[in-house]
Protein backbone atom coordinates (compact mmCIF):
# COMPACT_ATOMS: atom_id res chain seq x y z
CA UNK A 1 -47.47 -45.14 92.94
CA UNK A 2 -44.54 -44.38 94.90
CA UNK A 3 -44.43 -42.28 98.08
CA UNK A 4 -42.18 -39.37 99.09
CA UNK A 5 -39.26 -41.27 100.33
CA UNK A 6 -39.45 -44.10 97.50
CA UNK A 7 -38.93 -41.50 94.87
CA UNK A 8 -36.84 -39.57 96.21
CA UNK A 9 -34.56 -42.38 96.68
CA UNK A 10 -35.02 -43.50 93.44
CA UNK A 11 -34.23 -40.76 91.90
CA UNK A 12 -30.89 -41.00 93.88
CA UNK A 13 -29.51 -44.38 93.25
CA UNK A 14 -30.72 -45.14 89.26
CA UNK A 15 -30.26 -41.12 87.43
CA UNK A 16 -26.41 -41.47 86.68
CA UNK A 17 -24.98 -38.17 88.46
CA UNK A 18 -27.55 -37.03 90.83
CA UNK A 19 -25.89 -35.11 93.85
CA UNK A 20 -28.88 -34.64 95.98
CA UNK A 21 -32.72 -34.13 95.48
CA UNK A 22 -36.08 -32.52 97.60
CA UNK A 23 -39.74 -33.05 97.01
CA UNK A 24 -40.77 -29.15 97.49
CA UNK A 25 -43.61 -27.33 97.94
CA UNK A 26 -42.87 -23.68 96.54
CA UNK A 27 -45.70 -21.91 97.45
CA UNK A 28 -44.31 -21.79 101.38
CA UNK A 29 -40.21 -23.22 100.45
CA UNK A 30 -40.70 -25.88 102.60
CA UNK A 31 -39.07 -29.66 101.29
CA UNK A 32 -41.67 -32.35 102.59
CA UNK A 33 -38.35 -34.15 102.13
CA UNK A 34 -34.70 -33.87 100.69
CA UNK A 35 -31.65 -36.43 100.27
CA UNK A 36 -28.44 -36.32 99.52
CA UNK A 37 -26.93 -32.77 99.35
CA UNK A 38 -24.08 -32.57 102.55
CA UNK A 39 -22.16 -29.84 104.24
CA UNK A 40 -20.73 -28.99 100.98
CA UNK A 41 -24.74 -28.03 99.65
CA UNK A 42 -27.65 -27.14 101.60
CA UNK A 43 -30.77 -28.33 100.16
CA UNK A 44 -33.35 -26.76 102.33
CA UNK A 45 -31.91 -24.03 101.72
CA UNK A 46 -30.98 -24.43 97.94
CA UNK A 47 -35.30 -25.12 97.60
CA UNK A 48 -36.07 -22.53 99.42
CA UNK A 49 -34.10 -20.63 97.37
CA UNK A 50 -35.00 -22.03 94.01
CA UNK A 51 -38.78 -21.32 94.87
CA UNK A 52 -38.17 -17.87 93.61
CA UNK A 53 -37.36 -18.58 90.05
CA UNK A 54 -40.00 -21.78 89.84
CA UNK A 55 -42.44 -17.78 91.04
CA UNK A 56 -40.47 -15.96 89.02
CA UNK A 57 -40.92 -17.50 85.47
CA UNK A 58 -44.54 -18.29 86.51
CA UNK A 59 -45.62 -14.43 86.97
CA UNK A 60 -43.10 -13.67 84.07
CA UNK A 61 -45.17 -16.23 82.10
CA UNK A 62 -48.29 -14.89 83.08
CA UNK A 63 -46.71 -12.07 82.92
CA UNK A 64 -46.62 -12.76 78.69
CA UNK A 65 -49.88 -13.94 78.05
CA UNK A 66 -48.60 -17.75 77.86
CA UNK A 67 -50.99 -20.51 78.74
CA UNK A 68 -48.80 -23.47 78.25
CA UNK A 69 -47.47 -25.42 81.71
CA UNK A 70 -43.36 -25.38 82.09
CA UNK A 71 -42.16 -28.98 82.16
CA UNK A 72 -38.90 -28.27 83.96
CA UNK A 73 -36.39 -25.74 84.22
CA UNK A 74 -33.46 -26.40 83.75
CA UNK A 75 -29.87 -24.40 85.50
CA UNK A 76 -25.78 -25.22 84.45
CA UNK A 77 -23.32 -23.73 86.76
CA UNK A 78 -19.63 -25.10 85.85
CA UNK A 79 -19.67 -28.72 87.32
CA UNK A 80 -23.26 -29.25 87.90
CA UNK A 81 -26.84 -29.32 86.78
CA UNK A 82 -29.84 -28.40 88.48
CA UNK A 83 -33.15 -29.26 86.80
CA UNK A 84 -36.02 -28.02 88.13
CA UNK A 85 -40.19 -30.29 87.51
CA UNK A 86 -43.25 -28.46 88.61
CA UNK A 87 -45.08 -31.55 89.06
CA UNK A 88 -48.35 -32.52 86.75
CA UNK A 89 -48.87 -35.80 88.83
CA UNK A 90 -52.32 -36.30 91.22
CA UNK A 91 -51.40 -34.00 94.16
CA UNK A 92 -49.11 -32.71 93.04
CA UNK A 93 -50.00 -28.54 92.74
CA UNK A 94 -47.94 -26.47 93.93
CA UNK A 95 -44.82 -28.94 93.93
CA UNK A 96 -41.27 -29.54 92.61
CA UNK A 97 -39.22 -31.41 92.24
CA UNK A 98 -35.07 -30.45 92.43
CA UNK A 99 -32.21 -32.51 91.18
CA UNK A 100 -29.42 -31.83 91.54
CA UNK A 101 -27.07 -33.74 89.18
CA UNK A 102 -22.64 -33.39 88.56
CA UNK A 103 -21.83 -32.69 85.09
CA UNK A 104 -19.08 -34.43 84.90
CA UNK A 105 -20.98 -37.61 85.50
CA UNK A 106 -24.55 -37.39 84.30
CA UNK A 107 -26.55 -37.87 80.69
CA UNK A 108 -28.93 -34.81 81.32
CA UNK A 109 -31.20 -36.39 79.07
CA UNK A 110 -31.52 -39.04 80.68
CA UNK A 111 -31.50 -38.19 83.87
CA UNK A 112 -34.90 -35.64 82.56
CA UNK A 113 -36.14 -39.03 81.30
CA UNK A 114 -36.21 -40.80 84.67
CA UNK A 115 -37.53 -37.82 86.18
CA UNK A 116 -40.23 -37.40 84.04
CA UNK A 117 -41.17 -40.80 84.70
CA UNK A 118 -40.55 -40.62 88.69
CA UNK A 119 -42.54 -37.82 88.87
CA UNK A 120 -45.36 -39.73 86.67
CA UNK A 121 -45.57 -42.84 89.78
CA UNK A 122 -44.83 -39.74 92.77
CA UNK A 123 -48.26 -40.21 94.95
CA UNK A 124 -48.29 -37.54 97.52
C-alpha cells in the first residue's frame, strides 16, 4: 500500500504526459495533496472547481436512478486531458484523484490504466 505522497509522485513519474496530480476531498473541495501544476495552472483552484463537477455528476445519477459507480470522468481540452478518478479503495470514500495530462504527449488509455492501478494501491 502507498501513501498519498508516494502515489502522487508515482503518477507524475510513470504516466506519460502528466503535468499535475492531486488527491481531492469532494465533500469539502480541499486538495489533500498536490504535485505539479505551477504558475500557469493552480492545482488547488482546479481541485476545488472539479469538486463541483463530481458533485453535479453524482447528483444527476441520483436523479436518474442510476445505481452504477463512476469509474472516472474525462474532460478534454484542445491541449489537455483532465482525468478525475473516484476512489473506491478502503478509506477512499469522498475522495478522487485528479490528473492533468498534456494531450500531445499522453496516451489516454494507458493513463487511465495506470491511474486505476495507483488508486488501488493508495491507502488513505
